[in-house]
């Protein structure tokens, strides 16, 4: 079911399951924790890629980081990387003057 459509035939290669936390395969994430995995160590701030559903829990996702081939991690322990490599909470400075109805930057 998609939106208001009751049913639809779609080739299986054109859809994918949504993963825990609303993540999808290929999403870029930033680790919010230090974690030791069997294949290495992930530090806070390390950049990784979602590679699929967790192998141990439906509430986790499987991610690959530079030093770790795969680690099952909770969506609360990572965050999406934003455009330009920014992260939630980063302090930014406007490079332009901009006026909107809400005010001027």
Protein backbone atom coordinates (compact mmCIF):
# COMPACT_ATOMS: atom_id res chain seq x y z
CA UNK A 1 0.00 0.00 0.00
CA UNK A 2 1.36 3.41 -1.02
CA UNK A 3 -0.45 6.51 0.16
CA UNK A 4 -4.07 6.31 -0.95
CA UNK A 5 -3.52 3.42 -3.38
CA UNK A 6 -5.02 0.19 -1.99
CA UNK A 7 -2.57 -2.08 -3.87
CA UNK A 8 0.03 -1.88 -6.61
CA UNK A 9 2.26 -4.30 -8.54
CA UNK A 10 5.87 -3.13 -8.33
CA UNK A 11 9.02 -5.09 -9.18
CA UNK A 12 10.84 -6.13 -6.01
CA UNK A 13 14.05 -4.39 -7.13
CA UNK A 14 12.23 -1.03 -7.00
CA UNK A 15 11.36 -1.15 -3.29
CA UNK A 16 13.20 -1.80 -0.05
CA UNK A 17 12.24 -2.32 3.57
CA UNK A 18 12.50 0.68 5.84
CA UNK A 19 15.00 -0.14 8.57
CA UNK A 20 14.82 0.63 12.29
CA UNK A 21 14.74 4.34 13.05
CA UNK A 22 13.58 5.17 9.52
CA UNK A 23 17.04 4.53 8.06
CA UNK A 24 17.62 3.10 4.57
CA UNK A 25 20.51 1.22 2.99
CA UNK A 26 23.21 3.68 1.95
CA UNK A 27 22.33 6.39 4.49
CA UNK A 28 25.41 8.16 5.85
CA UNK A 29 25.52 8.21 9.66
CA UNK A 30 27.73 9.68 12.37
CA UNK A 31 28.41 7.64 15.51
CA UNK A 32 27.25 9.25 18.75
CA UNK A 33 29.05 6.63 20.89
CA UNK A 34 32.34 4.77 21.24
CA UNK A 35 31.78 1.07 20.52
CA UNK A 36 34.05 -1.94 20.26
CA UNK A 37 33.03 -4.51 17.66
CA UNK A 38 34.60 -7.86 16.86
CA UNK A 39 36.32 -6.32 13.82
CA UNK A 40 37.45 -3.01 15.35
CA UNK A 41 36.54 0.20 17.17
CA UNK A 42 34.10 3.01 16.30
CA UNK A 43 34.66 6.39 17.96
CA UNK A 44 32.24 9.23 18.55
CA UNK A 45 32.09 11.28 15.35
CA UNK A 46 33.15 8.44 13.02
CA UNK A 47 31.32 8.48 9.68
CA UNK A 48 29.65 5.27 8.52
CA UNK A 49 27.15 3.83 6.08
CA UNK A 50 23.97 1.87 6.78
CA UNK A 51 24.36 -1.50 5.06
CA UNK A 52 21.16 -3.27 6.12
CA UNK A 53 19.01 -4.56 8.92
CA UNK A 54 20.66 -5.72 12.12
CA UNK A 55 21.61 -9.36 12.33
CA UNK A 56 20.64 -9.53 16.02
CA UNK A 57 17.65 -7.23 16.60
CA UNK A 58 14.81 -5.67 14.60
CA UNK A 59 15.32 -2.46 16.59
CA UNK A 60 18.91 -1.98 15.34
CA UNK A 61 20.65 -1.32 12.03
CA UNK A 62 23.83 -2.75 10.52
CA UNK A 63 26.49 -0.14 9.72
CA UNK A 64 29.96 -0.14 8.17
CA UNK A 65 32.61 2.27 9.43
CA UNK A 66 36.19 2.86 8.24
CA UNK A 67 37.64 0.65 10.99
CA UNK A 68 34.74 -1.81 11.29
CA UNK A 69 33.29 -3.97 8.51
CA UNK A 70 29.92 -4.25 10.24
CA UNK A 71 28.39 -3.43 13.61
CA UNK A 72 24.82 -3.77 14.87
CA UNK A 73 23.88 -0.43 16.39
CA UNK A 74 20.78 1.28 17.75
CA UNK A 75 19.42 4.17 15.66
CA UNK A 76 19.66 6.31 18.82
CA UNK A 77 23.44 5.76 18.79
CA UNK A 78 23.94 7.35 15.35
CA UNK A 79 22.64 10.42 13.55
CA UNK A 80 22.11 11.26 9.90
CA UNK A 81 24.85 13.28 8.27
CA UNK A 82 23.37 16.49 6.90
CA UNK A 83 24.22 18.27 3.65
CA UNK A 84 27.76 19.57 3.56
CA UNK A 85 28.83 17.15 6.28
CA UNK A 86 27.05 19.20 8.95
CA UNK A 87 25.69 17.58 12.10
CA UNK A 88 22.77 18.50 14.31
CA UNK A 89 24.03 20.98 16.91
CA UNK A 90 26.83 22.40 14.72
CA UNK A 91 27.25 26.17 15.04
CA UNK A 92 27.21 27.87 11.65
CA UNK A 93 27.78 31.41 10.38
CA UNK A 94 25.79 32.83 7.48
CA UNK A 95 27.92 33.89 4.52
CA UNK A 96 25.09 35.98 3.04
CA UNK A 97 22.55 38.59 4.13
CA UNK A 98 19.04 37.15 3.91
CA UNK A 99 15.71 38.75 4.73
CA UNK A 100 12.55 36.69 5.21
CA UNK A 101 9.20 37.44 6.84
CA UNK A 102 10.59 35.91 10.06
CA UNK A 103 13.55 38.29 10.17
CA UNK A 104 16.99 39.09 8.77
CA UNK A 105 20.22 37.10 8.98
